[in-house]
Amino acid sequence: MKIHIQFPPTYQRPASRHTIRAGTPVAHYPYHDEQGKVLFKVVRFTNPKSFAQWRPNPKSGLWIRNLNGTRRVLYRLPEVLAADRREWVFVCEGEKDADNTVAHGLVATTAPMGAGKWRDEYAEFLRGRQVAIVPDNDDPGREHAAQVASSLAGIAATVRVIALPGMAEDSDLSDWWALDHTKADLLRLAGNDA
């Protein structure tokens, strides 16, 4: 399935005291429902780093910068649902981490809007699955992992929280992949030999 998504124009953040910050879009992450329809997208900006959520306007074909009335789902949901139920699903903290994990041949997802934004209804998508949560290596990441694990208790078949060994504070799964770790390395940390 080919999906064409147009970036929104350079985004002007609201004025904070007397400064206006502009950002340039560098990545977009579409969120699909179970049938593959785009519900919304997250756009990543740089200079400064920020994120915004956009939903399609069915009347104009353009994008609206809010999620008012939009159903929230996990990132890469159709792939998660289609994957072999014996495979681990890695719940990352961010779309970039999920994409980098998928690039290594694994099943990965994240919730929209980052740490602390997990909703209990997301757990249903992972019912009966082996789930490994891989948070960013910081306090908000660890708190987020505990929230996700609690939400999945009694729903997922297995829930593990993975602390990536030897990583600096404030690092993430993408940093870990950049150190030439492999799919087998992450599966071992989940408790499964590749």
Protein backbone atom coordinates (compact mmCIF):
# COMPACT_ATOMS: atom_id res chain seq x y z
CA MET A 1 0.00 0.00 0.00
CA LYS A 2 1.46 3.37 -1.03
CA ILE A 3 0.57 6.38 1.04
CA HIS A 4 1.47 9.91 0.07
CA ILE A 5 1.56 12.35 2.95
CA GLN A 6 2.47 15.95 2.38
CA PHE A 7 4.47 17.73 5.06
CA PRO A 8 2.74 20.70 6.62
CA PRO A 9 4.47 24.00 5.95
CA THR A 10 7.21 25.13 8.32
CA TYR A 11 5.51 25.28 11.66
CA GLN A 12 5.53 28.42 13.80
CA ARG A 13 5.30 27.55 17.47
CA PRO A 14 3.20 29.84 19.64
CA ALA A 15 5.02 32.82 21.14
CA SER A 16 6.61 32.09 24.49
CA ARG A 17 7.08 35.40 26.27
CA HIS A 18 8.72 37.41 23.49
CA THR A 19 10.20 34.75 21.24
CA ILE A 20 8.74 32.85 18.34
CA ARG A 21 10.45 29.60 17.45
CA ALA A 22 10.23 28.16 13.98
CA GLY A 23 10.75 24.54 13.17
CA THR A 24 11.48 22.64 9.98
CA PRO A 25 9.77 19.27 9.47
CA VAL A 26 12.32 16.45 9.24
CA ALA A 27 10.16 13.33 9.62
CA HIS A 28 6.54 12.31 9.62
CA TYR A 29 5.05 9.24 11.21
CA PRO A 30 1.58 8.17 10.04
CA TYR A 31 -0.69 6.28 12.44
CA HIS A 32 -3.09 3.82 10.78
CA ASP A 33 -6.18 2.02 11.98
CA GLU A 34 -6.57 -1.75 11.74
CA GLN A 35 -7.46 -1.55 8.02
CA GLY A 36 -4.54 0.72 7.13
CA LYS A 37 -6.44 4.03 6.93
CA VAL A 38 -4.39 7.02 8.13
CA LEU A 39 -5.99 8.44 11.28
CA PHE A 40 -3.32 11.05 12.06
CA LYS A 41 0.39 11.69 11.83
CA VAL A 42 3.11 12.97 14.11
CA VAL A 43 5.53 15.44 12.55
CA ARG A 44 9.02 15.87 13.97
CA PHE A 45 10.60 19.29 13.68
CA THR A 46 14.15 20.49 14.15
CA ASN A 47 15.56 23.89 15.15
CA PRO A 48 14.27 23.47 17.84
CA LYS A 49 13.34 19.80 18.20
CA SER A 50 9.60 19.49 18.70
CA PHE A 51 6.64 17.36 17.66
CA ALA A 52 3.13 18.14 16.48
CA GLN A 53 0.13 15.96 15.74
CA TRP A 54 -1.96 16.46 12.58
CA ARG A 55 -5.21 14.90 11.42
CA PRO A 56 -6.57 14.83 7.88
CA ASN A 57 -9.41 17.14 6.94
CA PRO A 58 -11.70 14.92 4.83
CA LYS A 59 -13.36 17.94 3.20
CA SER A 60 -10.25 19.75 1.97
CA GLY A 61 -7.65 16.99 1.86
CA LEU A 62 -5.35 19.23 3.93
CA TRP A 63 -4.15 18.69 7.49
CA ILE A 64 -5.35 20.17 10.78
CA ARG A 65 -2.88 20.59 13.63
CA ASN A 66 -4.77 18.88 16.46
CA LEU A 67 -6.27 15.49 17.22
CA ASN A 68 -9.71 16.72 18.27
CA GLY A 69 -12.16 13.84 17.88
CA THR A 70 -9.47 11.56 16.44
CA ARG A 71 -9.21 7.95 17.57
CA ARG A 72 -5.77 7.23 19.05
CA VAL A 73 -3.97 3.99 18.20
CA LEU A 74 -0.50 2.51 18.44
CA TYR A 75 2.12 3.33 15.81
CA ARG A 76 2.50 0.71 13.03
CA LEU A 77 -0.73 -0.94 14.25
CA PRO A 78 -1.50 -3.00 11.10
CA GLU A 79 2.00 -4.53 11.22
CA VAL A 80 1.70 -5.32 14.92
CA LEU A 81 -1.67 -7.02 14.40
CA ALA A 82 -0.44 -8.99 11.37
CA ALA A 83 2.76 -10.25 13.03
CA ASP A 84 3.11 -13.82 14.22
CA ARG A 85 1.72 -13.92 17.75
CA ARG A 86 4.84 -15.79 18.92
CA GLU A 87 7.07 -12.82 18.06
CA TRP A 88 8.05 -10.23 20.63
CA VAL A 89 6.46 -6.81 20.24
CA PHE A 90 8.85 -4.07 21.35
CA VAL A 91 7.12 -1.01 22.79
CA CYS A 92 9.56 1.83 22.27
CA GLU A 93 9.47 5.42 23.43
CA GLY A 94 9.05 7.19 20.13
CA GLU A 95 8.47 6.57 16.46
CA LYS A 96 12.14 6.85 15.49
CA ASP A 97 13.05 4.07 17.93
CA ALA A 98 10.19 1.91 16.62
CA ASP A 99 11.25 2.45 13.00
CA ASN A 100 14.89 1.62 13.79
CA THR A 101 13.77 -1.55 15.56
CA VAL A 102 11.59 -2.63 12.62
CA ALA A 103 14.60 -2.00 10.34
CA HIS A 104 16.38 -4.75 12.36
CA GLY A 105 13.63 -7.25 11.54
CA LEU A 106 11.59 -6.99 14.72
CA VAL A 107 8.01 -5.97 15.51
CA ALA A 108 7.87 -2.57 17.21
CA THR A 109 5.41 0.14 18.13
CA THR A 110 5.00 3.21 20.31
CA ALA A 111 2.18 5.35 21.62
CA PRO A 112 1.62 8.84 20.26
CA MET A 113 2.97 11.89 22.08
CA GLY A 114 5.77 10.29 24.07
CA ALA A 115 6.44 9.39 27.68
CA GLY A 116 3.52 9.53 30.07
CA LYS A 117 0.89 9.55 27.31
CA TRP A 118 0.08 5.82 27.28
CA ARG A 119 -3.65 5.08 27.38
CA ASP A 120 -5.02 1.87 28.87
CA GLU A 121 -7.02 1.17 25.69
CA TYR A 122 -3.73 0.64 23.81
CA ALA A 123 -3.16 -2.53 25.84
CA GLU A 124 -5.99 -4.32 23.99
CA PHE A 125 -3.95 -4.21 20.78
CA LEU A 126 -1.31 -6.29 22.59
CA ARG A 127 -3.62 -8.84 24.21
CA GLY A 128 -1.97 -12.27 24.46
CA ARG A 129 1.34 -11.00 23.03
CA GLN A 130 4.90 -11.17 24.35
CA VAL A 131 5.72 -7.51 25.01
CA ALA A 132 9.09 -5.99 25.81
CA ILE A 133 9.08 -2.31 26.81
CA VAL A 134 12.25 -0.40 25.93
CA PRO A 135 12.19 3.05 27.54
CA ASP A 136 14.56 5.95 27.09
CA ASN A 137 17.29 5.90 29.73
CA ASP A 138 15.97 8.74 31.89
CA ASP A 139 13.47 9.22 34.71
CA PRO A 140 10.48 10.05 32.46
CA GLY A 141 11.30 6.96 30.37
CA ARG A 142 11.48 4.69 33.41
CA GLU A 143 8.18 6.10 34.74
CA HIS A 144 6.60 5.60 31.33
CA ALA A 145 7.79 1.97 31.22
CA ALA A 146 6.21 1.32 34.62
CA GLN A 147 2.93 2.87 33.42
CA VAL A 148 2.89 0.73 30.25
CA ALA A 149 3.81 -2.44 32.16
CA SER A 150 1.02 -1.83 34.66
CA SER A 151 -1.48 -1.27 31.86
CA LEU A 152 -0.45 -4.52 30.13
CA ALA A 153 -0.54 -6.67 33.28
CA GLY A 154 -3.12 -9.42 32.85
CA ILE A 155 -3.62 -8.54 29.16
CA ALA A 156 -0.31 -9.33 27.46
CA ALA A 157 0.96 -12.90 27.81
CA THR A 158 4.41 -11.65 28.89
CA VAL A 159 5.56 -8.18 29.90
CA ARG A 160 9.22 -7.31 30.30
CA VAL A 161 10.92 -3.95 30.77
CA ILE A 162 14.37 -3.83 29.18
CA ALA A 163 17.07 -1.53 30.54
CA LEU A 164 19.70 -1.31 27.82
CA PRO A 165 23.05 -2.14 29.48
CA GLY A 166 25.99 0.24 29.31
CA MET A 167 24.02 3.18 27.95
CA ALA A 168 24.45 6.77 29.14
CA GLU A 169 21.69 8.66 30.90
CA ASP A 170 19.32 10.29 28.36
CA SER A 171 20.18 7.75 25.64
CA ASP A 172 17.55 5.74 23.81
CA LEU A 173 17.07 2.62 21.71
CA SER A 174 18.20 4.40 18.53
CA ASP A 175 21.49 5.24 20.27
CA TRP A 176 21.82 1.56 21.22
CA TRP A 177 21.22 0.41 17.62
CA ALA A 178 23.85 2.93 16.45
CA LEU A 179 26.44 0.98 18.50
CA ASP A 180 26.06 -1.97 16.09
CA HIS A 181 23.85 -4.09 18.30
CA THR A 182 21.85 -6.76 16.53
CA LYS A 183 18.39 -8.27 16.51
CA ALA A 184 19.81 -11.23 18.43
CA ASP A 185 21.16 -8.86 21.12
CA LEU A 186 17.74 -7.32 21.73
CA LEU A 187 15.99 -10.71 21.73
CA ARG A 188 18.49 -11.93 24.33
CA LEU A 189 17.66 -8.92 26.52
CA ALA A 190 13.98 -9.79 26.17
CA GLY A 191 14.84 -13.26 27.43
CA ASN A 192 14.64 -15.07 24.13
CA ASP A 193 17.64 -16.45 22.21
CA ALA A 194 17.46 -15.58 18.53
